[in-house]
Amino acid sequence: MEILAINGSPRKNGTSQTALNLLLEKIDKTSNIRRFDLNSMNIKGCQECFVCRTQKTDNCAINDGVSEILELAKKTDAIIVSTPVFYGDITAQLKCFIDRTWSYLGKTGFSAEHLPRDRTLVFILSYGYDDPAVYDSIFEKYKTYFNMYGFDDCYFVKAIGAQYNKPEIVNKPEMLKAIDEISATINKKQ
């Protein structure tokens, strides 16, 4: 199984990276896992240059650190995305990557149906509030985009309550249970 792990957190050893690491440790070692830490990469945001549209391609015209990820994401079996919440949304680093997936619509101008279907998305979200539902809309929003790209089997992992002055994950038992269940499901697909 080909798995793409994308860490959108700027903090090393933060909550979202910890949850990502826990999940990756439980995935069968026969999987080919490619991991990218966006904060350490040279990346640019979408320039809305329309090269993907005018050339009818699903390749972004920008050649930077995200280019390899975009190519891998077109054919991977699963994507695992991990991010903390900053000002009610995902990090700028992850948003930059997601904006660049706009190039996938370039072949037709409106759809990415040429990409493989029935793939898996795991969306790990960490935030400081103790309310487990406060940011569910973030997952729903980005799930819509990943669904367009063939990631129909979607899972949501929440690591809540951890903040700079209170590093413990409030829902750790629930988070660990979700990680166990998701890793078991991914491992069955081997």
Protein backbone atom coordinates (compact mmCIF):
# COMPACT_ATOMS: atom_id res chain seq x y z
CA MET A 1 0.00 0.00 0.00
CA GLU A 2 1.26 3.47 -0.89
CA ILE A 3 0.68 5.99 1.91
CA LEU A 4 1.42 9.69 1.89
CA ALA A 5 1.78 11.34 5.33
CA ILE A 6 1.66 15.14 5.37
CA ASN A 7 2.49 17.02 8.56
CA GLY A 8 1.13 20.55 8.41
CA SER A 9 2.36 21.60 11.84
CA PRO A 10 5.18 24.12 12.21
CA ARG A 11 6.05 22.68 15.64
CA LYS A 12 8.30 19.69 16.02
CA ASN A 13 6.95 17.24 18.58
CA GLY A 14 3.64 19.09 18.92
CA THR A 15 0.29 17.42 19.45
CA SER A 16 -0.65 16.90 15.80
CA GLN A 17 2.78 15.50 14.96
CA THR A 18 2.57 13.18 17.99
CA ALA A 19 -0.81 11.85 16.82
CA LEU A 20 0.57 11.37 13.30
CA ASN A 21 3.56 9.45 14.64
CA LEU A 22 1.31 7.21 16.76
CA LEU A 23 -0.76 6.32 13.70
CA LEU A 24 2.27 5.70 11.48
CA GLU A 25 3.77 3.37 14.11
CA LYS A 26 0.67 1.15 13.93
CA ILE A 27 0.53 0.87 10.15
CA ASP A 28 1.90 -2.35 8.68
CA LYS A 29 5.59 -1.98 7.88
CA THR A 30 5.08 -3.49 4.43
CA SER A 31 3.37 -0.24 3.42
CA ASN A 32 5.42 2.27 1.51
CA ILE A 33 5.02 5.42 3.62
CA ARG A 34 6.32 8.72 2.30
CA ARG A 35 6.30 11.48 4.92
CA PHE A 36 6.56 15.22 4.35
CA ASP A 37 6.89 17.94 6.99
CA LEU A 38 5.62 21.00 5.14
CA ASN A 39 7.16 23.57 7.45
CA SER A 40 10.69 22.47 6.53
CA MET A 41 10.03 22.71 2.79
CA ASN A 42 10.37 25.50 0.27
CA ILE A 43 6.76 25.93 -0.87
CA LYS A 44 4.72 28.60 -2.61
CA GLY A 45 1.01 29.14 -2.70
CA CYS A 46 -1.13 28.81 -5.80
CA GLN A 47 -0.41 31.77 -8.11
CA GLU A 48 -3.71 31.42 -9.99
CA CYS A 49 -1.64 31.50 -13.17
CA PHE A 50 -4.11 29.16 -14.96
CA VAL A 51 -1.29 27.22 -16.64
CA CYS A 52 -2.94 23.96 -15.53
CA ARG A 53 -6.17 25.11 -17.23
CA THR A 54 -4.71 26.56 -20.42
CA GLN A 55 -2.42 23.55 -20.94
CA LYS A 56 -5.16 21.10 -19.85
CA THR A 57 -2.89 19.30 -17.42
CA ASP A 58 -3.16 18.25 -13.79
CA ASN A 59 0.39 19.41 -13.10
CA CYS A 60 1.02 22.65 -11.25
CA ALA A 61 3.35 25.04 -13.11
CA ILE A 62 5.20 25.92 -9.91
CA ASN A 63 8.24 23.70 -9.32
CA ASP A 64 9.01 23.66 -5.60
CA GLY A 65 8.85 21.36 -2.60
CA VAL A 66 5.13 20.66 -3.07
CA SER A 67 5.60 19.37 -6.64
CA GLU A 68 6.68 15.90 -5.52
CA ILE A 69 3.81 15.67 -3.02
CA LEU A 70 1.28 16.68 -5.67
CA GLU A 71 2.54 13.93 -7.99
CA LEU A 72 2.48 11.30 -5.24
CA ALA A 73 -1.00 12.35 -4.09
CA LYS A 74 -2.41 11.69 -7.55
CA LYS A 75 -1.77 7.96 -7.24
CA THR A 76 -1.36 7.13 -3.54
CA ASP A 77 -3.73 4.70 -1.84
CA ALA A 78 -4.03 6.80 1.31
CA ILE A 79 -3.23 10.28 2.54
CA ILE A 80 -2.78 11.05 6.20
CA VAL A 81 -2.93 14.77 6.93
CA SER A 82 -2.09 16.19 10.35
CA THR A 83 -2.50 19.79 11.44
CA PRO A 84 -3.18 21.96 14.45
CA VAL A 85 -5.93 24.56 14.28
CA PHE A 86 -4.71 28.14 13.85
CA TYR A 87 -7.37 30.87 13.99
CA GLY A 88 -10.21 28.45 13.29
CA ASP A 89 -8.62 26.66 10.33
CA ILE A 90 -5.72 24.47 9.24
CA THR A 91 -2.18 25.85 9.19
CA ALA A 92 -0.95 28.05 6.35
CA GLN A 93 1.51 25.34 5.39
CA LEU A 94 -1.22 22.76 4.84
CA LYS A 95 -3.54 25.28 3.20
CA CYS A 96 -0.76 26.05 0.73
CA PHE A 97 -0.57 22.37 -0.28
CA ILE A 98 -4.35 22.04 -0.57
CA ASP A 99 -4.62 25.21 -2.66
CA ARG A 100 -2.07 23.75 -5.07
CA THR A 101 -4.27 20.66 -5.61
CA TRP A 102 -6.42 23.02 -7.69
CA SER A 103 -4.18 21.94 -10.58
CA TYR A 104 -5.84 18.49 -10.47
CA LEU A 105 -8.89 20.11 -12.07
CA GLY A 106 -6.82 21.43 -14.98
CA LYS A 107 -7.46 18.61 -17.44
CA THR A 108 -11.18 19.37 -17.61
CA GLY A 109 -11.42 22.69 -15.81
CA PHE A 110 -14.04 21.38 -13.39
CA SER A 111 -13.37 17.80 -12.26
CA ALA A 112 -10.62 15.41 -11.18
CA GLU A 113 -12.44 12.22 -12.10
CA HIS A 114 -9.34 10.98 -13.92
CA LEU A 115 -7.69 10.37 -10.53
CA PRO A 116 -8.09 6.95 -8.85
CA ARG A 117 -11.20 6.49 -6.68
CA ASP A 118 -11.92 4.63 -3.42
CA ARG A 119 -8.83 5.90 -1.64
CA THR A 120 -8.41 6.67 2.06
CA LEU A 121 -8.05 10.01 3.84
CA VAL A 122 -7.11 10.30 7.50
CA PHE A 123 -7.46 13.85 8.80
CA ILE A 124 -5.79 14.48 12.17
CA LEU A 125 -6.74 17.74 13.84
CA SER A 126 -5.36 19.04 17.13
CA TYR A 127 -6.65 22.02 19.06
CA GLY A 128 -6.73 23.47 22.54
CA TYR A 129 -10.46 23.49 23.23
CA ASP A 130 -11.91 20.64 25.25
CA ASP A 131 -15.12 20.60 23.16
CA PRO A 132 -14.71 17.67 20.74
CA ALA A 133 -17.14 19.10 18.16
CA VAL A 134 -16.00 22.72 17.99
CA TYR A 135 -13.97 22.25 14.78
CA ASP A 136 -15.87 19.46 13.05
CA SER A 137 -16.68 21.90 10.23
CA ILE A 138 -12.97 22.07 9.33
CA PHE A 139 -12.93 18.35 8.63
CA GLU A 140 -16.17 18.54 6.65
CA LYS A 141 -14.85 21.40 4.51
CA TYR A 142 -11.57 19.75 3.55
CA LYS A 143 -13.13 16.30 3.22
CA THR A 144 -15.19 17.76 0.37
CA TYR A 145 -12.03 18.66 -1.55
CA PHE A 146 -10.35 15.32 -0.92
CA ASN A 147 -13.55 13.54 -2.01
CA MET A 148 -13.24 15.31 -5.37
CA TYR A 149 -9.79 13.73 -5.72
CA GLY A 150 -10.98 10.18 -5.02
CA PHE A 151 -10.49 9.97 -1.26
CA ASP A 152 -13.89 8.53 -0.46
CA ASP A 153 -13.02 6.56 2.67
CA CYS A 154 -12.49 9.34 5.23
CA TYR A 155 -11.52 9.22 8.91
CA PHE A 156 -11.27 12.03 11.44
CA VAL A 157 -8.91 11.91 14.43
CA LYS A 158 -9.22 14.63 17.08
CA ALA A 159 -6.47 15.41 19.60
CA ILE A 160 -8.13 17.98 21.82
CA GLY A 161 -7.35 20.08 24.86
CA ALA A 162 -3.56 20.28 24.45
CA GLN A 163 -2.15 23.80 24.61
CA TYR A 164 1.29 25.31 25.16
CA ASN A 165 0.61 25.65 28.88
CA LYS A 166 -1.33 22.36 29.20
CA PRO A 167 0.27 19.77 26.90
CA GLU A 168 -1.91 16.79 27.83
CA ILE A 169 -4.41 15.58 25.27
CA VAL A 170 -7.80 15.65 27.01
CA ASN A 171 -9.36 12.93 24.85
CA LYS A 172 -6.29 10.69 24.68
CA PRO A 173 -8.19 7.38 25.24
CA GLU A 174 -10.67 8.25 22.47
CA MET A 175 -7.87 9.45 20.18
CA LEU A 176 -5.85 6.25 20.74
CA LYS A 177 -8.95 4.13 20.09
CA ALA A 178 -9.56 5.97 16.80
CA ILE A 179 -5.91 5.48 15.80
CA ASP A 180 -6.14 1.75 16.60
CA GLU A 181 -9.33 1.35 14.56
CA ILE A 182 -8.07 3.37 11.59
CA SER A 183 -4.70 1.60 11.49
CA ALA A 184 -6.47 -1.78 11.62
CA THR A 185 -8.68 -0.75 8.69
CA ILE A 186 -5.68 0.45 6.68
CA ASN A 187 -3.73 -2.71 7.48
CA LYS A 188 -6.62 -4.89 6.25
CA LYS A 189 -6.34 -3.21 2.85
CA GLN A 190 -2.78 -4.54 2.42
